[in-house]
Amino acid sequence: MRILMFVLVMALSVASCWLFAQAFVYPEYGIVIFGGGVIGATIAFGLASRWNRA
C-alpha cells in the first residue's frame, strides 16, 4: 500500500508541476490550468502527510 501511495503522490506532484508550466504556455486557459495544478499539488501534499502518519 505504501508503494502505491508513493507512486500516486509522485505522479500527482509531477503532473501539477507540468500543469504549472502549461499555464504559461497557454495563457488563454492559464487560470484554469494553474487552478488544476494547485488542486493536484494540494491533493499530493495531503496524501503525503496522510502517508507519513500511517
Protein backbone atom coordinates (compact mmCIF):
# COMPACT_ATOMS: atom_id res chain seq x y z
CA MET A 1 0.00 0.00 0.00
CA ARG A 2 2.86 2.37 0.78
CA ILE A 3 4.39 1.81 -2.65
CA LEU A 4 1.07 2.57 -4.35
CA MET A 5 0.69 5.73 -2.25
CA PHE A 6 4.26 6.78 -3.11
CA VAL A 7 3.65 6.30 -6.84
CA LEU A 8 0.38 8.22 -6.64
CA VAL A 9 1.95 11.14 -4.76
CA MET A 10 4.88 11.33 -7.16
CA ALA A 11 2.61 11.18 -10.20
CA LEU A 12 0.43 13.97 -8.81
CA SER A 13 3.49 16.07 -7.98
CA VAL A 14 4.92 15.71 -11.47
CA ALA A 15 1.53 16.36 -13.06
CA SER A 16 0.97 19.52 -11.02
CA CYS A 17 4.42 20.86 -11.93
CA TRP A 18 3.68 20.11 -15.59
CA LEU A 19 0.37 21.96 -15.31
CA PHE A 20 2.09 24.98 -13.75
CA ALA A 21 4.39 25.14 -16.79
CA GLN A 22 1.49 24.66 -19.23
CA ALA A 23 -0.35 27.59 -17.67
CA PHE A 24 2.31 29.91 -19.09
CA VAL A 25 2.32 28.23 -22.50
CA TYR A 26 -1.44 28.62 -22.95
CA PRO A 27 -2.30 31.99 -21.39
CA GLU A 28 -5.89 31.93 -22.63
CA TYR A 29 -6.60 28.98 -20.32
CA GLY A 30 -3.89 29.87 -17.81
CA ILE A 31 -6.04 30.35 -14.72
CA VAL A 32 -7.94 27.10 -15.28
CA ILE A 33 -4.75 25.10 -15.89
CA PHE A 34 -3.00 26.76 -12.94
CA GLY A 35 -6.00 26.01 -10.73
CA GLY A 36 -5.82 22.36 -11.74
CA GLY A 37 -2.15 22.31 -10.81
CA VAL A 38 -2.90 23.84 -7.42
CA ILE A 39 -5.62 21.26 -6.76
CA GLY A 40 -3.27 18.45 -7.81
CA ALA A 41 -0.48 19.73 -5.59
CA THR A 42 -2.87 20.09 -2.65
CA ILE A 43 -4.07 16.52 -3.06
CA ALA A 44 -0.47 15.28 -3.41
CA PHE A 45 0.65 17.04 -0.23
CA GLY A 46 -2.46 15.84 1.61
CA LEU A 47 -1.78 12.25 0.60
CA ALA A 48 1.87 12.61 1.54
CA SER A 49 1.02 13.85 5.01
CA ARG A 50 -1.51 11.04 5.42
CA TRP A 51 1.11 8.56 4.24
CA ASN A 52 3.59 9.86 6.85
CA ARG A 53 1.03 9.43 9.63
CA ALA A 54 0.20 5.84 8.64
